[in-house]
């Protein structure tokens, strides 16, 4: 009997995990994909993360919101390294 490859569920497909990373931690899709690779040791593309965010009806940030988050995170990192 043939194995159904679609039956395997990956961590990035989990709605709660995505909510934690994208909404609560405010990570970008690139950062989430990198986090997945670090945690699971498996390749993940940022476009895959975007696709699963959409499948779970998790609203994507606008470009302005994404840039604002990036600026806020960069400022926090600079402040922390200066201390």
C-alpha atoms as a PDB file:
ATOM      1  CA  UNK A   1       0.000   0.000   0.000  1.00  0.00           C
ATOM      2  CA  UNK A   2       1.360   3.427  -0.948  1.00  0.00           C
ATOM      3  CA  UNK A   3       2.290   5.847   1.806  1.00  0.00           C
ATOM      4  CA  UNK A   4       0.316   9.080   1.821  1.00  0.00           C
ATOM      5  CA  UNK A   5       2.961  11.806   1.948  1.00  0.00           C
ATOM      6  CA  UNK A   6       0.339  14.396   2.880  1.00  0.00           C
ATOM      7  CA  UNK A   7      -0.309  12.687   6.222  1.00  0.00           C
ATOM      8  CA  UNK A   8       2.949  14.044   7.665  1.00  0.00           C
ATOM      9  CA  UNK A   9       2.361  17.237   9.603  1.00  0.00           C
ATOM     10  CA  UNK A  10       5.213  19.707   9.929  1.00  0.00           C
ATOM     11  CA  UNK A  11       5.612  22.179  12.783  1.00  0.00           C
ATOM     12  CA  UNK A  12       5.134  25.158  10.430  1.00  0.00           C
ATOM     13  CA  UNK A  13       1.669  23.800   9.629  1.00  0.00           C
ATOM     14  CA  UNK A  14       0.560  24.162  13.254  1.00  0.00           C
ATOM     15  CA  UNK A  15      -1.670  27.195  13.740  1.00  0.00           C
ATOM     16  CA  UNK A  16      -0.686  27.748  17.387  1.00  0.00           C
ATOM     17  CA  UNK A  17       3.040  27.623  16.562  1.00  0.00           C
ATOM     18  CA  UNK A  18       2.553  30.119  13.728  1.00  0.00           C
ATOM     19  CA  UNK A  19       0.455  32.402  15.932  1.00  0.00           C
ATOM     20  CA  UNK A  20       3.191  32.397  18.573  1.00  0.00           C
ATOM     21  CA  UNK A  21       5.962  33.180  16.100  1.00  0.00           C
ATOM     22  CA  UNK A  22       4.163  35.612  13.776  1.00  0.00           C
ATOM     23  CA  UNK A  23       1.620  37.386  15.980  1.00  0.00           C
ATOM     24  CA  UNK A  24       3.040  37.258  19.510  1.00  0.00           C
ATOM     25  CA  UNK A  25       6.797  37.232  18.769  1.00  0.00           C
ATOM     26  CA  UNK A  26       6.304  39.480  15.701  1.00  0.00           C
ATOM     27  CA  UNK A  27       8.815  37.497  13.612  1.00  0.00           C
ATOM     28  CA  UNK A  28       8.881  37.890   9.846  1.00  0.00           C
ATOM     29  CA  UNK A  29       8.264  34.932   7.546  1.00  0.00           C
ATOM     30  CA  UNK A  30      12.021  34.817   6.875  1.00  0.00           C
ATOM     31  CA  UNK A  31      12.754  34.712  10.609  1.00  0.00           C
ATOM     32  CA  UNK A  32      10.105  32.021  11.168  1.00  0.00           C
ATOM     33  CA  UNK A  33      11.570  29.870   8.389  1.00  0.00           C
ATOM     34  CA  UNK A  34      15.032  30.287   9.939  1.00  0.00           C
ATOM     35  CA  UNK A  35      13.633  29.410  13.369  1.00  0.00           C
ATOM     36  CA  UNK A  36      12.031  26.281  11.923  1.00  0.00           C
ATOM     37  CA  UNK A  37      15.305  25.244  10.307  1.00  0.00           C
ATOM     38  CA  UNK A  38      17.134  25.767  13.621  1.00  0.00           C
ATOM     39  CA  UNK A  39      14.536  23.900  15.712  1.00  0.00           C
ATOM     40  CA  UNK A  40      13.774  21.017  13.343  1.00  0.00           C
ATOM     41  CA  UNK A  41      16.954  20.800  11.279  1.00  0.00           C
ATOM     42  CA  UNK A  42      14.863  20.774   8.091  1.00  0.00           C
ATOM     43  CA  UNK A  43      14.657  23.251   5.226  1.00  0.00           C
ATOM     44  CA  UNK A  44      11.712  25.653   5.116  1.00  0.00           C
ATOM     45  CA  UNK A  45      11.070  28.455   2.661  1.00  0.00           C
ATOM     46  CA  UNK A  46       9.572  31.795   3.801  1.00  0.00           C
ATOM     47  CA  UNK A  47       6.935  31.430   1.063  1.00  0.00           C
ATOM     48  CA  UNK A  48       5.806  28.186   2.725  1.00  0.00           C
ATOM     49  CA  UNK A  49       5.322  30.098   5.967  1.00  0.00           C
ATOM     50  CA  UNK A  50       3.266  32.740   4.130  1.00  0.00           C
ATOM     51  CA  UNK A  51       1.116  30.061   2.526  1.00  0.00           C
ATOM     52  CA  UNK A  52       0.356  28.456   5.916  1.00  0.00           C
ATOM     53  CA  UNK A  53      -0.401  31.825   7.508  1.00  0.00           C
ATOM     54  CA  UNK A  54      -2.986  32.358   4.769  1.00  0.00           C
ATOM     55  CA  UNK A  55      -4.394  28.818   5.136  1.00  0.00           C
ATOM     56  CA  UNK A  56      -4.960  29.476   8.842  1.00  0.00           C
ATOM     57  CA  UNK A  57      -6.497  32.910   8.136  1.00  0.00           C
ATOM     58  CA  UNK A  58      -3.775  34.660  10.114  1.00  0.00           C
ATOM     59  CA  UNK A  59      -3.744  38.239   8.784  1.00  0.00           C
ATOM     60  CA  UNK A  60      -0.497  39.198   7.088  1.00  0.00           C
ATOM     61  CA  UNK A  61       1.152  42.439   8.165  1.00  0.00           C
ATOM     62  CA  UNK A  62       1.222  45.334   5.752  1.00  0.00           C
ATOM     63  CA  UNK A  63       4.567  46.486   4.376  1.00  0.00           C
ATOM     64  CA  UNK A  64       4.442  49.495   6.709  1.00  0.00           C
ATOM     65  CA  UNK A  65       3.861  47.273   9.751  1.00  0.00           C
ATOM     66  CA  UNK A  66       6.679  44.937   8.719  1.00  0.00           C
ATOM     67  CA  UNK A  67       9.089  47.842   8.303  1.00  0.00           C
ATOM     68  CA  UNK A  68       8.031  49.292  11.649  1.00  0.00           C
ATOM     69  CA  UNK A  69       8.668  45.934  13.370  1.00  0.00           C
ATOM     70  CA  UNK A  70      12.058  45.649  11.698  1.00  0.00           C
ATOM     71  CA  UNK A  71      12.983  49.163  12.837  1.00  0.00           C
ATOM     72  CA  UNK A  72      11.816  48.456  16.399  1.00  0.00           C
ATOM     73  CA  UNK A  73      13.755  45.159  16.585  1.00  0.00           C
ATOM     74  CA  UNK A  74      16.923  46.732  15.126  1.00  0.00           C
ATOM     75  CA  UNK A  75      16.739  49.606  17.627  1.00  0.00           C
ATOM     76  CA  UNK A  76      16.293  47.166  20.526  1.00  0.00           C
ATOM     77  CA  UNK A  77      19.301  45.119  19.398  1.00  0.00           C
ATOM     78  CA  UNK A  78      21.473  48.225  19.063  1.00  0.00           C
ATOM     79  CA  UNK A  79      20.426  49.407  22.521  1.00  0.00           C
ATOM     80  CA  UNK A  80      21.162  46.009  24.056  1.00  0.00           C
ATOM     81  CA  UNK A  81      24.640  45.771  22.472  1.00  0.00           C
ATOM     82  CA  UNK A  82      25.468  49.322  23.608  1.00  0.00           C
ATOM     83  CA  UNK A  83      24.811  48.428  27.261  1.00  0.00           C
END
